[in-house]
Amino acid sequence: CEKFPLTEDNGWNVNDARKIWCWGPDGTGPNVVVDVSKGVQYLNEIKDSVVAGFQWASNEGVLCDEKMRGVRIDIHDVALHADTIHRGGGQIIPTARRVTYASILRSVPNLLEPIYLCEIQCPEAAMGGIYGCLTKKRGHVFSELKQEGTPMWNIKAYLPVSASFGFSSDLRAATGGQAFPQCVFDHWEIMGTDPMVEGTHCNGVVMETRKRKGLKYELPKFENFY
């Protein structure tokens, strides 16, 4: 008995799962192009060019030129010129990239930030300092377990990587050197604010990244790619 994770575990339509064109970036990334069109002429002729355009776009996302994650692009319809010379890679690849960017801007894009799993060992008297330090760093505790036969507690928390700099020294200062953290990467998490709204934390990260990379210092607009 075979199992199909996309359809059984993730709720995909079986026909859609059979018509995946590619994953990206680099052919193995967490983004996908799916052909859901019906009866489009010459579509197979431009498949390689569309895939190339999507690989380009998924490697350099629309918000701040970072790799995309968790994006699915559905191809519903395509209007192609009857002359073969107008269906080459030079015309299709940049168009596929612009279409991908425009679709993302219409789909409420956001940033993902890496999250540490932080394990802390401490005595009960130091737990108040740990909670205060984690709150300042946008972290939150999700597990507390007492070590049987000892006065020590095991605390597990999630901590954004961007807020983790200086965490160990701050934690030692807050607990008198009684807490010992260990941090490892655990997952990606959507940032809680809208990058398209000026003044939000997420918008600040986008604008700082664009400035650092020498990109145009303004948010991309749908009209730029339509």
N, C-alpha and C. Protein backbone atom coordinates (compact mmCIF):
# COMPACT_ATOMS: atom_id res chain seq x y z
N CYS A 1 0.85 -1.18 0.00
CA CYS A 1 0.00 0.00 0.00
C CYS A 1 0.90 1.25 0.00
N GLU A 2 0.73 2.11 -1.00
CA GLU A 2 1.53 3.31 -1.09
C GLU A 2 0.84 4.47 -0.38
N LYS A 3 1.66 5.37 0.11
CA LYS A 3 1.13 6.56 0.77
C LYS A 3 1.59 7.80 0.02
N PHE A 4 0.67 8.77 -0.16
CA PHE A 4 0.97 10.00 -0.87
C PHE A 4 0.85 11.16 0.12
N PRO A 5 1.99 11.61 0.69
CA PRO A 5 1.93 12.62 1.75
C PRO A 5 1.25 13.91 1.35
N LEU A 6 1.44 14.37 0.09
CA LEU A 6 0.84 15.63 -0.32
C LEU A 6 -0.67 15.58 -0.24
N THR A 7 -1.28 14.48 -0.68
CA THR A 7 -2.73 14.39 -0.71
C THR A 7 -3.32 13.93 0.61
N GLU A 8 -2.68 12.98 1.27
CA GLU A 8 -3.23 12.42 2.49
C GLU A 8 -2.91 13.23 3.73
N ASP A 9 -1.72 13.81 3.78
CA ASP A 9 -1.31 14.54 4.97
C ASP A 9 -1.48 16.05 4.84
N ASN A 10 -1.50 16.57 3.62
CA ASN A 10 -1.54 18.03 3.42
C ASN A 10 -2.76 18.52 2.65
N GLY A 11 -3.68 17.63 2.34
CA GLY A 11 -4.95 18.05 1.74
C GLY A 11 -4.88 18.50 0.30
N TRP A 12 -3.85 18.09 -0.44
CA TRP A 12 -3.76 18.47 -1.84
C TRP A 12 -4.75 17.66 -2.68
N ASN A 13 -5.21 18.29 -3.77
CA ASN A 13 -5.98 17.57 -4.77
C ASN A 13 -5.05 16.61 -5.50
N VAL A 14 -5.53 15.40 -5.75
CA VAL A 14 -4.69 14.37 -6.38
C VAL A 14 -4.21 14.82 -7.76
N ASN A 15 -5.10 15.43 -8.55
CA ASN A 15 -4.72 15.88 -9.89
C ASN A 15 -3.65 16.98 -9.83
N ASP A 16 -3.77 17.87 -8.85
CA ASP A 16 -2.76 18.93 -8.70
C ASP A 16 -1.41 18.31 -8.35
N ALA A 17 -1.41 17.33 -7.49
CA ALA A 17 -0.15 16.70 -7.06
C ALA A 17 0.55 16.01 -8.23
N ARG A 18 -0.23 15.58 -9.21
CA ARG A 18 0.35 14.90 -10.37
C ARG A 18 0.88 15.87 -11.42
N LYS A 19 0.55 17.17 -11.26
CA LYS A 19 0.94 18.15 -12.28
C LYS A 19 1.89 19.20 -11.72
N ILE A 20 2.71 18.80 -10.76
CA ILE A 20 3.74 19.69 -10.24
C ILE A 20 4.82 19.87 -11.30
N TRP A 21 5.16 21.11 -11.58
CA TRP A 21 6.20 21.39 -12.57
C TRP A 21 7.59 21.40 -11.96
N CYS A 22 7.72 21.99 -10.78
CA CYS A 22 9.05 22.06 -10.17
C CYS A 22 8.93 22.50 -8.72
N TRP A 23 10.03 22.29 -8.00
CA TRP A 23 10.23 22.84 -6.67
C TRP A 23 11.34 23.88 -6.77
N GLY A 24 11.31 24.84 -5.88
CA GLY A 24 12.34 25.86 -5.95
C GLY A 24 12.58 26.52 -4.60
N PRO A 25 13.74 27.19 -4.43
CA PRO A 25 14.80 27.33 -5.44
C PRO A 25 15.69 26.08 -5.53
N ASP A 26 16.52 26.06 -6.53
CA ASP A 26 17.50 24.99 -6.76
C ASP A 26 16.86 23.64 -7.01
N GLY A 27 15.60 23.62 -7.40
CA GLY A 27 14.94 22.36 -7.74
C GLY A 27 14.51 21.51 -6.57
N THR A 28 14.86 21.91 -5.35
CA THR A 28 14.52 21.10 -4.18
C THR A 28 13.95 21.92 -3.04
N GLY A 29 13.72 23.21 -3.26
CA GLY A 29 13.29 24.09 -2.17
C GLY A 29 11.85 23.89 -1.75
N PRO A 30 11.38 24.67 -0.76
CA PRO A 30 10.04 24.51 -0.19
C PRO A 30 8.96 25.32 -0.91
N ASN A 31 9.15 25.58 -2.21
CA ASN A 31 8.16 26.30 -3.02
C ASN A 31 7.86 25.47 -4.25
N VAL A 32 6.68 25.67 -4.84
CA VAL A 32 6.25 24.77 -5.89
C VAL A 32 5.41 25.50 -6.95
N VAL A 33 5.55 25.04 -8.19
CA VAL A 33 4.69 25.49 -9.29
C VAL A 33 3.80 24.34 -9.72
N VAL A 34 2.50 24.60 -9.85
CA VAL A 34 1.53 23.56 -10.22
C VAL A 34 0.73 24.03 -11.43
N ASP A 35 0.62 23.17 -12.41
CA ASP A 35 -0.18 23.45 -13.60
C ASP A 35 -1.61 22.99 -13.37
N VAL A 36 -2.53 23.94 -13.16
CA VAL A 36 -3.95 23.61 -12.97
C VAL A 36 -4.78 24.07 -14.17
N SER A 37 -4.10 24.38 -15.27
CA SER A 37 -4.79 24.89 -16.46
C SER A 37 -5.47 23.76 -17.23
N LYS A 38 -6.37 24.16 -18.14
CA LYS A 38 -7.10 23.21 -18.98
C LYS A 38 -6.99 23.63 -20.44
N GLY A 39 -6.38 22.80 -21.24
CA GLY A 39 -6.37 23.00 -22.68
C GLY A 39 -5.64 24.23 -23.18
N VAL A 40 -4.53 24.60 -22.57
CA VAL A 40 -3.75 25.76 -23.03
C VAL A 40 -2.78 25.31 -24.12
N GLN A 41 -2.84 25.98 -25.28
CA GLN A 41 -1.97 25.63 -26.39
C GLN A 41 -0.53 26.06 -26.13
N TYR A 42 0.41 25.27 -26.63
CA TYR A 42 1.85 25.55 -26.58
C TYR A 42 2.42 25.59 -25.15
N LEU A 43 1.66 25.14 -24.15
CA LEU A 43 2.10 25.29 -22.77
C LEU A 43 3.40 24.53 -22.49
N ASN A 44 3.51 23.33 -23.04
CA ASN A 44 4.72 22.54 -22.80
C ASN A 44 5.98 23.20 -23.38
N GLU A 45 5.78 24.03 -24.42
CA GLU A 45 6.93 24.70 -25.03
C GLU A 45 7.57 25.71 -24.10
N ILE A 46 6.79 26.27 -23.18
CA ILE A 46 7.33 27.31 -22.29
C ILE A 46 7.60 26.78 -20.88
N LYS A 47 7.41 25.50 -20.66
CA LYS A 47 7.57 24.95 -19.31
C LYS A 47 8.95 25.24 -18.73
N ASP A 48 10.00 24.94 -19.51
CA ASP A 48 11.36 25.14 -19.00
C ASP A 48 11.64 26.60 -18.68
N SER A 49 11.09 27.50 -19.50
CA SER A 49 11.30 28.93 -19.25
C SER A 49 10.55 29.40 -18.01
N VAL A 50 9.33 28.90 -17.81
CA VAL A 50 8.57 29.25 -16.61
C VAL A 50 9.28 28.74 -15.36
N VAL A 51 9.79 27.52 -15.44
CA VAL A 51 10.52 26.94 -14.32
C VAL A 51 11.75 27.78 -14.00
N ALA A 52 12.48 28.21 -15.02
CA ALA A 52 13.68 29.03 -14.82
C ALA A 52 13.31 30.37 -14.16
N GLY A 53 12.21 30.98 -14.62
CA GLY A 53 11.76 32.23 -14.02
C GLY A 53 11.35 32.06 -12.57
N PHE A 54 10.70 30.93 -12.28
CA PHE A 54 10.29 30.67 -10.89
C PHE A 54 11.50 30.41 -9.99
N GLN A 55 12.48 29.69 -10.51
CA GLN A 55 13.69 29.45 -9.72
C GLN A 55 14.37 30.78 -9.38
N TRP A 56 14.42 31.65 -10.33
CA TRP A 56 14.99 32.99 -10.12
C TRP A 56 14.21 33.73 -9.04
N ALA A 57 12.89 33.76 -9.17
CA ALA A 57 12.06 34.50 -8.23
C ALA A 57 12.11 33.90 -6.82
N SER A 58 12.09 32.58 -6.72
CA SER A 58 12.07 31.95 -5.40
C SER A 58 13.42 32.06 -4.68
N ASN A 59 14.48 32.30 -5.45
CA ASN A 59 15.80 32.48 -4.85
C ASN A 59 16.00 33.92 -4.40
N GLU A 60 15.27 34.86 -5.01
CA GLU A 60 15.38 36.27 -4.66
C GLU A 60 13.97 36.83 -4.51
N GLY A 61 13.42 36.70 -3.30
CA GLY A 61 12.02 37.06 -3.05
C GLY A 61 11.74 38.54 -3.28
N VAL A 62 10.47 38.86 -3.41
CA VAL A 62 10.06 40.20 -3.82
C VAL A 62 10.26 41.23 -2.71
N LEU A 63 10.18 40.84 -1.43
CA LEU A 63 10.24 41.83 -0.36
C LEU A 63 11.65 42.37 -0.16
N CYS A 64 12.62 41.47 -0.04
CA CYS A 64 13.99 41.94 0.23
C CYS A 64 15.05 41.00 -0.33
N ASP A 65 14.76 40.36 -1.46
CA ASP A 65 15.75 39.53 -2.15
C ASP A 65 16.23 38.34 -1.34
N GLU A 66 15.39 37.84 -0.44
CA GLU A 66 15.73 36.64 0.33
C GLU A 66 14.97 35.45 -0.24
N LYS A 67 15.45 34.24 0.06
CA LYS A 67 14.80 33.04 -0.46
C LYS A 67 13.37 32.93 0.08
N MET A 68 12.48 32.49 -0.80
CA MET A 68 11.08 32.32 -0.41
C MET A 68 10.88 30.96 0.24
N ARG A 69 9.78 30.85 0.98
CA ARG A 69 9.47 29.59 1.65
C ARG A 69 7.95 29.45 1.76
N GLY A 70 7.45 28.27 1.40
CA GLY A 70 6.03 27.98 1.56
C GLY A 70 5.14 28.65 0.52
N VAL A 71 5.66 28.85 -0.70
CA VAL A 71 4.88 29.51 -1.75
C VAL A 71 4.47 28.48 -2.80
N ARG A 72 3.19 28.51 -3.16
CA ARG A 72 2.69 27.67 -4.26
C ARG A 72 2.11 28.58 -5.34
N ILE A 73 2.62 28.43 -6.55
CA ILE A 73 2.13 29.19 -7.70
C ILE A 73 1.31 28.26 -8.58
N ASP A 74 0.04 28.60 -8.81
CA ASP A 74 -0.84 27.84 -9.69
C ASP A 74 -0.94 28.53 -11.04
N ILE A 75 -0.73 27.78 -12.11
CA ILE A 75 -0.90 28.30 -13.47
C ILE A 75 -2.31 27.97 -13.94
N HIS A 76 -3.18 28.98 -14.03
CA HIS A 76 -4.57 28.77 -14.42
C HIS A 76 -4.79 28.94 -15.92
N ASP A 77 -4.12 29.92 -16.50
CA ASP A 77 -4.32 30.17 -17.93
C ASP A 77 -3.11 30.92 -18.46
N VAL A 78 -2.83 30.73 -19.73
CA VAL A 78 -1.71 31.41 -20.38
C VAL A 78 -2.15 31.80 -21.79
N ALA A 79 -1.89 33.05 -22.16
CA ALA A 79 -2.15 33.51 -23.52
C ALA A 79 -0.81 33.67 -24.23
N LEU A 80 -0.56 32.83 -25.23
CA LEU A 80 0.74 32.81 -25.90
C LEU A 80 0.61 33.26 -27.35
N HIS A 81 1.65 33.89 -27.85
CA HIS A 81 1.69 34.32 -29.24
C HIS A 81 1.82 33.09 -30.13
N ALA A 82 1.15 33.15 -31.28
CA ALA A 82 1.17 32.00 -32.18
C ALA A 82 2.52 31.78 -32.82
N ASP A 83 3.33 32.84 -32.92
CA ASP A 83 4.65 32.75 -33.54
C ASP A 83 5.67 32.24 -32.52
N THR A 84 6.39 31.18 -32.88
CA THR A 84 7.35 30.55 -31.96
C THR A 84 8.42 31.52 -31.48
N ILE A 85 8.81 32.45 -32.32
CA ILE A 85 9.90 33.36 -31.97
C ILE A 85 9.55 34.22 -30.76
N HIS A 86 8.25 34.40 -30.49
CA HIS A 86 7.81 35.22 -29.36
C HIS A 86 7.54 34.37 -28.11
N ARG A 87 7.94 33.11 -28.15
CA ARG A 87 7.72 32.24 -26.99
C ARG A 87 9.06 31.73 -26.44
N GLY A 88 10.14 32.43 -26.72
CA GLY A 88 11.46 32.01 -26.28
C GLY A 88 11.73 32.38 -24.82
N GLY A 89 12.85 31.89 -24.31
CA GLY A 89 13.22 32.15 -22.93
C GLY A 89 13.40 33.62 -22.62
N GLY A 90 13.90 34.38 -23.59
CA GLY A 90 14.11 35.80 -23.39
C GLY A 90 12.83 36.55 -23.06
N GLN A 91 11.69 36.08 -23.59
CA GLN A 91 10.41 36.70 -23.29
C GLN A 91 9.73 36.08 -22.06
N ILE A 92 9.85 34.77 -21.91
CA ILE A 92 9.06 34.06 -20.89
C ILE A 92 9.70 34.12 -19.49
N ILE A 93 11.03 33.99 -19.41
CA ILE A 93 11.68 33.92 -18.08
C ILE A 93 11.43 35.20 -17.26
N PRO A 94 11.71 36.40 -17.82
CA PRO A 94 11.43 37.61 -17.01
C PRO A 94 9.95 37.77 -16.70
N THR A 95 9.10 37.35 -17.64
CA THR A 95 7.65 37.46 -17.42
C THR A 95 7.21 36.54 -16.29
N ALA A 96 7.73 35.31 -16.27
CA ALA A 96 7.38 34.37 -15.20
C ALA A 96 7.83 34.92 -13.85
N ARG A 97 8.99 35.54 -13.81
CA ARG A 97 9.48 36.14 -12.55
C ARG A 97 8.56 37.26 -12.10
N ARG A 98 8.17 38.15 -13.03
CA ARG A 98 7.29 39.26 -12.65
C ARG A 98 5.92 38.76 -12.20
N VAL A 99 5.40 37.75 -12.88
CA VAL A 99 4.10 37.19 -12.50
C VAL A 99 4.16 36.59 -11.10
N THR A 100 5.26 35.90 -10.81
CA THR A 100 5.43 35.32 -9.47
C THR A 100 5.45 36.42 -8.41
N TYR A 101 6.21 37.48 -8.66
CA TYR A 101 6.27 38.59 -7.71
C TYR A 101 4.89 39.24 -7.52
N ALA A 102 4.19 39.48 -8.63
CA ALA A 102 2.87 40.11 -8.54
C ALA A 102 1.89 39.24 -7.75
N SER A 103 1.94 37.93 -7.99
CA SER A 103 1.05 37.01 -7.27
C SER A 103 1.32 37.04 -5.78
N ILE A 104 2.61 37.08 -5.41
CA ILE A 104 2.97 37.10 -3.99
C ILE A 104 2.50 38.39 -3.33
N LEU A 105 2.66 39.52 -4.00
CA LEU A 105 2.22 40.79 -3.43
C LEU A 105 0.70 40.85 -3.26
N ARG A 106 -0.03 40.08 -4.04
CA ARG A 106 -1.48 40.00 -3.90
C ARG A 106 -1.91 38.97 -2.85
N SER A 107 -0.94 38.28 -2.26
CA SER A 107 -1.27 37.17 -1.35
C SER A 107 -0.80 37.41 0.09
N VAL A 108 -0.72 38.67 0.49
CA VAL A 108 -0.34 39.05 1.85
C VAL A 108 0.99 38.40 2.25
N PRO A 109 2.10 38.81 1.64
CA PRO A 109 3.39 38.19 1.96
C PRO A 109 3.86 38.58 3.36
N ASN A 110 4.73 37.78 3.91
CA ASN A 110 5.29 38.08 5.23
C ASN A 110 6.70 37.51 5.30
N LEU A 111 7.39 37.83 6.38
CA LEU A 111 8.72 37.29 6.60
C LEU A 111 8.66 36.12 7.57
N LEU A 112 9.56 35.17 7.38
CA LEU A 112 9.74 34.09 8.33
C LEU A 112 11.05 34.33 9.07
N GLU A 113 11.03 34.13 10.38
CA GLU A 113 12.26 34.26 11.13
C GLU A 113 12.62 32.92 11.78
N PRO A 114 13.92 32.62 11.87
CA PRO A 114 14.34 31.36 12.50
C PRO A 114 14.15 31.43 14.01
N ILE A 115 13.75 30.29 14.58
CA ILE A 115 13.46 30.21 16.01
C ILE A 115 14.34 29.15 16.66
N TYR A 116 14.97 29.52 17.77
CA TYR A 116 15.74 28.57 18.57
C TYR A 116 14.82 27.82 19.54
N LEU A 117 15.16 26.56 19.76
CA LEU A 117 14.65 25.84 20.92
C LEU A 117 15.70 26.04 22.02
N CYS A 118 15.30 26.69 23.09
CA CYS A 118 16.22 27.04 24.17
C CYS A 118 15.90 26.18 25.39
N GLU A 119 16.85 25.37 25.82
CA GLU A 119 16.70 24.55 27.02
C GLU A 119 17.55 25.14 28.14
N ILE A 120 16.91 25.37 29.28
CA ILE A 120 17.58 26.03 30.40
C ILE A 120 17.44 25.17 31.65
N GLN A 121 18.55 24.96 32.33
CA GLN A 121 18.54 24.28 33.62
C GLN A 121 18.80 25.31 34.71
N CYS A 122 17.95 25.28 35.76
CA CYS A 122 18.08 26.27 36.81
C CYS A 122 17.38 25.79 38.08
N PRO A 123 17.75 26.36 39.25
CA PRO A 123 16.96 26.11 40.46
C PRO A 123 15.68 26.92 40.43
N GLU A 124 14.73 26.55 41.26
CA GLU A 124 13.42 27.21 41.25
C GLU A 124 13.53 28.69 41.56
N ALA A 125 14.47 29.08 42.40
CA ALA A 125 14.60 30.49 42.78
C ALA A 125 14.97 31.38 41.60
N ALA A 126 15.54 30.80 40.55
CA ALA A 126 16.00 31.60 39.41
C ALA A 126 14.96 31.69 38.29
N MET A 127 13.82 31.03 38.45
CA MET A 127 12.86 30.98 37.34
C MET A 127 12.25 32.33 37.01
N GLY A 128 12.06 33.17 38.01
CA GLY A 128 11.50 34.50 37.75
C GLY A 128 12.40 35.32 36.84
N GLY A 129 13.72 35.25 37.08
CA GLY A 129 14.66 35.98 36.23
C GLY A 129 14.67 35.46 34.81
N ILE A 130 14.46 34.14 34.65
CA ILE A 130 14.44 33.54 33.30
C ILE A 130 13.24 34.05 32.52
N TYR A 131 12.06 34.07 33.16
CA TYR A 131 10.85 34.55 32.48
C TYR A 131 11.00 36.01 32.06
N GLY A 132 11.57 36.83 32.96
CA GLY A 132 11.75 38.24 32.64
C GLY A 132 12.70 38.44 31.47
N CYS A 133 13.79 37.66 31.45
CA CYS A 133 14.78 37.78 30.38
C CYS A 133 14.20 37.32 29.05
N LEU A 134 13.45 36.22 29.05
CA LEU A 134 12.84 35.72 27.82
C LEU A 134 11.81 36.70 27.27
N THR A 135 11.03 37.32 28.15
CA THR A 135 10.01 38.28 27.71
C THR A 135 10.66 39.47 26.99
N LYS A 136 11.79 39.93 27.51
CA LYS A 136 12.49 41.05 26.87
C LYS A 136 13.02 40.67 25.49
N LYS A 137 13.29 39.38 25.29
CA LYS A 137 13.85 38.90 24.03
C LYS A 137 12.80 38.31 23.09
N ARG A 138 11.53 38.54 23.35
CA ARG A 138 10.41 38.02 22.54
C ARG A 138 10.31 36.49 22.59
N GLY A 139 10.86 35.89 23.64
CA GLY A 139 10.77 34.44 23.79
C GLY A 139 9.59 34.05 24.66
N HIS A 140 9.23 32.77 24.62
CA HIS A 140 8.16 32.30 25.51
C HIS A 140 8.40 30.85 25.91
N VAL A 141 8.06 30.55 27.15
CA VAL A 141 8.25 29.21 27.72
C VAL A 141 7.06 28.34 27.35
N PHE A 142 7.34 27.09 26.95
CA PHE A 142 6.25 26.16 26.66
C PHE A 142 6.34 24.87 27.47
N SER A 143 7.40 24.71 28.28
CA SER A 143 7.51 23.48 29.06
C SER A 143 8.36 23.73 30.31
N GLU A 144 7.87 23.19 31.45
CA GLU A 144 8.63 23.21 32.70
C GLU A 144 8.60 21.81 33.29
N LEU A 145 9.75 21.24 33.58
CA LEU A 145 9.82 19.91 34.19
C LEU A 145 10.85 19.92 35.31
N LYS A 146 10.45 19.38 36.44
CA LYS A 146 11.38 19.30 37.57
C LYS A 146 12.18 18.00 37.48
N GLN A 147 13.48 18.11 37.70
CA GLN A 147 14.33 16.92 37.71
C GLN A 147 14.14 16.21 39.05
N GLU A 148 13.65 14.99 38.98
CA GLU A 148 13.36 14.24 40.20
C GLU A 148 14.62 14.05 41.04
N GLY A 149 14.46 14.29 42.34
CA GLY A 149 15.57 14.08 43.25
C GLY A 149 16.59 15.19 43.30
N THR A 150 16.34 16.29 42.55
CA THR A 150 17.26 17.43 42.54
C THR A 150 16.45 18.72 42.67
N PRO A 151 17.09 19.82 43.04
CA PRO A 151 16.38 21.11 43.11
C PRO A 151 16.30 21.82 41.75
N MET A 152 16.74 21.15 40.69
CA MET A 152 16.84 21.78 39.37
C MET A 152 15.57 21.59 38.55
N TRP A 153 15.30 22.58 37.72
CA TRP A 153 14.18 22.52 36.77
C TRP A 153 14.72 22.59 35.35
N ASN A 154 14.05 21.89 34.43
CA ASN A 154 14.33 21.98 32.99
C ASN A 154 13.25 22.85 32.35
N ILE A 155 13.65 23.96 31.77
CA ILE A 155 12.71 24.87 31.11
C ILE A 155 13.00 24.86 29.61
N LYS A 156 11.94 24.71 28.81
CA LYS A 156 12.07 24.78 27.36
C LYS A 156 11.31 26.00 26.85
N ALA A 157 11.96 26.74 25.97
CA ALA A 157 11.35 27.96 25.45
C ALA A 157 11.73 28.14 23.99
N TYR A 158 10.92 28.92 23.28
CA TYR A 158 11.25 29.33 21.91
C TYR A 158 11.78 30.75 21.95
N LEU A 159 12.86 30.97 21.22
CA LEU A 159 13.53 32.27 21.22
C LEU A 159 13.91 32.65 19.80
N PRO A 160 13.45 33.80 19.29
CA PRO A 160 13.85 34.23 17.95
C PRO A 160 15.37 34.39 17.85
N VAL A 161 15.95 33.88 16.78
CA VAL A 161 17.40 33.97 16.60
C VAL A 161 17.86 35.42 16.59
N SER A 162 17.08 36.30 15.96
CA SER A 162 17.48 37.71 15.85
C SER A 162 17.54 38.40 17.21
N ALA A 163 16.82 37.85 18.20
CA ALA A 163 16.81 38.44 19.54
C ALA A 163 17.73 37.71 20.51
N SER A 164 18.46 36.72 20.02
CA SER A 164 19.24 35.87 20.92
C SER A 164 20.63 36.41 21.24
N PHE A 165 21.06 37.45 20.51
CA PHE A 165 22.41 37.97 20.74
C PHE A 165 22.50 38.59 22.14
N GLY A 166 23.46 38.12 22.90
CA GLY A 166 23.61 38.60 24.27
C GLY A 166 22.69 37.93 25.26
N PHE A 167 21.93 36.91 24.80
CA PHE A 167 20.95 36.27 25.70
C PHE A 167 21.63 35.56 26.87
N SER A 168 22.71 34.85 26.60
CA SER A 168 23.39 34.08 27.66
C SER A 168 23.90 35.00 28.76
N SER A 169 24.53 36.10 28.38
CA SER A 169 25.06 37.02 29.40
C SER A 169 23.93 37.70 30.16
N ASP A 170 22.84 38.07 29.44
CA ASP A 170 21.69 38.68 30.12
C ASP A 170 21.05 37.70 31.09
N LEU A 171 20.98 36.44 30.69
CA LEU A 171 20.37 35.42 31.54
C LEU A 171 21.20 35.18 32.80
N ARG A 172 22.51 35.13 32.63
CA ARG A 172 23.38 34.96 33.80
C ARG A 172 23.24 36.14 34.76
N ALA A 173 23.15 37.34 34.20
CA ALA A 173 23.00 38.53 35.04
C ALA A 173 21.67 38.52 35.80
N ALA A 174 20.60 38.04 35.12
CA ALA A 174 19.27 38.05 35.73
C ALA A 174 19.08 36.95 36.77
N THR A 175 19.92 35.91 36.70
CA THR A 175 19.74 34.77 37.62
C THR A 175 20.95 34.57 38.54
N GLY A 176 21.88 35.50 38.54
CA GLY A 176 23.06 35.35 39.38
C GLY A 176 23.93 34.19 38.97
N GLY A 177 23.94 33.88 37.67
CA GLY A 177 24.78 32.79 37.17
C GLY A 177 24.25 31.40 37.45
N GLN A 178 22.94 31.30 37.80
CA GLN A 178 22.38 29.99 38.16
C GLN A 178 21.71 29.28 36.99
N ALA A 179 21.53 29.95 35.87
CA ALA A 179 20.85 29.34 34.72
C ALA A 179 21.84 29.06 33.60
N PHE A 180 21.64 27.94 32.91
CA PHE A 180 22.56 27.50 31.87
C PHE A 180 21.76 27.18 30.60
N PRO A 181 21.77 28.07 29.60
CA PRO A 181 20.97 27.85 28.39
C PRO A 181 21.73 27.09 27.31
N GLN A 182 20.99 26.31 26.53
CA GLN A 182 21.50 25.67 25.32
C GLN A 182 20.50 25.94 24.20
N CYS A 183 20.96 26.51 23.10
CA CYS A 183 20.07 26.90 22.01
C CYS A 183 20.42 26.14 20.74
N VAL A 184 19.39 25.57 20.09
CA VAL A 184 19.56 24.92 18.78
C VAL A 184 18.41 25.36 17.88
N PHE A 185 18.67 25.42 16.57
CA PHE A 185 17.61 25.81 15.64
C PHE A 185 16.48 24.80 15.69
N ASP A 186 15.24 25.31 15.71
CA ASP A 186 14.07 24.41 15.78
C ASP A 186 13.14 24.55 14.59
N HIS A 187 12.73 25.77 14.23
CA HIS A 187 11.76 25.93 13.14
C HIS A 187 11.74 27.37 12.66
N TRP A 188 10.99 27.58 11.58
CA TRP A 188 10.73 28.92 11.06
C TRP A 188 9.35 29.36 11.53
N GLU A 189 9.20 30.64 11.80
CA GLU A 189 7.92 31.16 12.29
C GLU A 189 7.59 32.48 11.60
N ILE A 190 6.32 32.65 11.24
CA ILE A 190 5.89 33.90 10.59
C ILE A 190 5.97 35.04 11.59
N MET A 191 6.55 36.14 11.18
CA MET A 191 6.61 37.32 12.05
C MET A 191 5.20 37.87 12.22
N GLY A 192 4.92 38.36 13.41
CA GLY A 192 3.54 38.68 13.76
C GLY A 192 2.98 39.97 13.20
N THR A 193 3.78 40.76 12.49
CA THR A 193 3.29 42.04 11.97
C THR A 193 3.34 42.05 10.44
N ASP A 194 2.68 43.04 9.86
CA ASP A 194 2.55 43.13 8.40
C ASP A 194 3.72 43.93 7.82
N PRO A 195 4.52 43.32 6.93
CA PRO A 195 5.66 44.05 6.35
C PRO A 195 5.26 45.19 5.43
N MET A 196 4.00 45.19 4.99
CA MET A 196 3.55 46.23 4.07
C MET A 196 3.03 47.46 4.80
N VAL A 197 2.97 47.40 6.14
CA VAL A 197 2.48 48.53 6.94
C VAL A 197 3.67 49.24 7.57
N GLU A 198 3.83 50.51 7.23
CA GLU A 198 4.97 51.27 7.73
C GLU A 198 4.93 51.40 9.25
N GLY A 199 6.09 51.22 9.86
CA GLY A 199 6.19 51.37 11.31
C GLY A 199 6.15 50.07 12.09
N THR A 200 5.77 48.96 11.45
CA THR A 200 5.74 47.68 12.14
C THR A 200 7.15 47.10 12.22
N HIS A 201 7.34 46.17 13.15
CA HIS A 201 8.67 45.54 13.30
C HIS A 201 9.09 44.83 12.02
N CYS A 202 8.16 44.12 11.41
CA CYS A 202 8.46 43.37 10.18
C CYS A 202 8.84 44.33 9.05
N ASN A 203 8.13 45.44 8.94
CA ASN A 203 8.45 46.44 7.93
C ASN A 203 9.84 47.01 8.15
N GLY A 204 10.21 47.21 9.41
CA GLY A 204 11.54 47.72 9.72
C GLY A 204 12.63 46.75 9.27
N VAL A 205 12.39 45.44 9.46
CA VAL A 205 13.37 44.44 9.04
C VAL A 205 13.52 44.45 7.52
N VAL A 206 12.38 44.55 6.81
CA VAL A 206 12.41 44.59 5.34
C VAL A 206 13.20 45.79 4.85
N MET A 207 12.91 46.97 5.40
CA MET A 207 13.57 48.19 4.93
C MET A 207 15.06 48.18 5.28
N GLU A 208 15.42 47.68 6.45
CA GLU A 208 16.84 47.60 6.82
C GLU A 208 17.59 46.65 5.89
N THR A 209 16.94 45.53 5.54
CA THR A 209 17.56 44.55 4.64
C THR A 209 17.74 45.13 3.24
N ARG A 210 16.72 45.84 2.75
CA ARG A 210 16.82 46.46 1.43
C ARG A 210 17.94 47.51 1.40
N LYS A 211 18.06 48.26 2.47
CA LYS A 211 19.12 49.27 2.54
C LYS A 211 20.50 48.60 2.56
N ARG A 212 20.63 47.53 3.34
CA ARG A 212 21.92 46.85 3.45
C ARG A 212 22.33 46.23 2.11
N LYS A 213 21.35 45.78 1.33
CA LYS A 213 21.66 45.13 0.05
C LYS A 213 21.74 46.11 -1.11
N GLY A 214 21.51 47.38 -0.83
CA GLY A 214 21.58 48.38 -1.91
C GLY A 214 20.37 48.36 -2.82
N LEU A 215 19.24 47.83 -2.34
CA LEU A 215 18.01 47.81 -3.13
C LEU A 215 17.29 49.14 -3.00
N LYS A 216 16.32 49.36 -3.85
CA LYS A 216 15.53 50.58 -3.80
C LYS A 216 14.86 50.70 -2.43
N TYR A 217 15.03 51.86 -1.79
CA TYR A 217 14.56 52.00 -0.40
C TYR A 217 13.08 52.36 -0.35
N GLU A 218 12.28 51.45 -0.85
CA GLU A 218 10.82 51.55 -0.74
C GLU A 218 10.23 50.18 -0.98
N LEU A 219 9.03 49.95 -0.45
CA LEU A 219 8.40 48.65 -0.61
C LEU A 219 8.00 48.43 -2.07
N PRO A 220 8.18 47.23 -2.59
CA PRO A 220 7.73 46.95 -3.96
C PRO A 220 6.21 47.03 -4.07
N LYS A 221 5.75 47.52 -5.19
CA LYS A 221 4.31 47.67 -5.41
C LYS A 221 3.83 46.71 -6.49
N PHE A 222 2.58 46.33 -6.39
CA PHE A 222 1.99 45.42 -7.37
C PHE A 222 2.09 45.99 -8.77
N GLU A 223 1.91 47.32 -8.91
CA GLU A 223 1.93 47.96 -10.22
C GLU A 223 3.29 47.83 -10.90
N ASN A 224 4.35 47.59 -10.13
CA ASN A 224 5.68 47.47 -10.72
C ASN A 224 5.85 46.20 -11.52
N PHE A 225 5.00 45.20 -11.26
CA PHE A 225 5.17 43.89 -11.90
C PHE A 225 3.95 43.49 -12.73
N TYR A 226 2.92 44.31 -12.74
CA TYR A 226 1.68 43.94 -13.44
C TYR A 226 1.84 44.13 -14.93
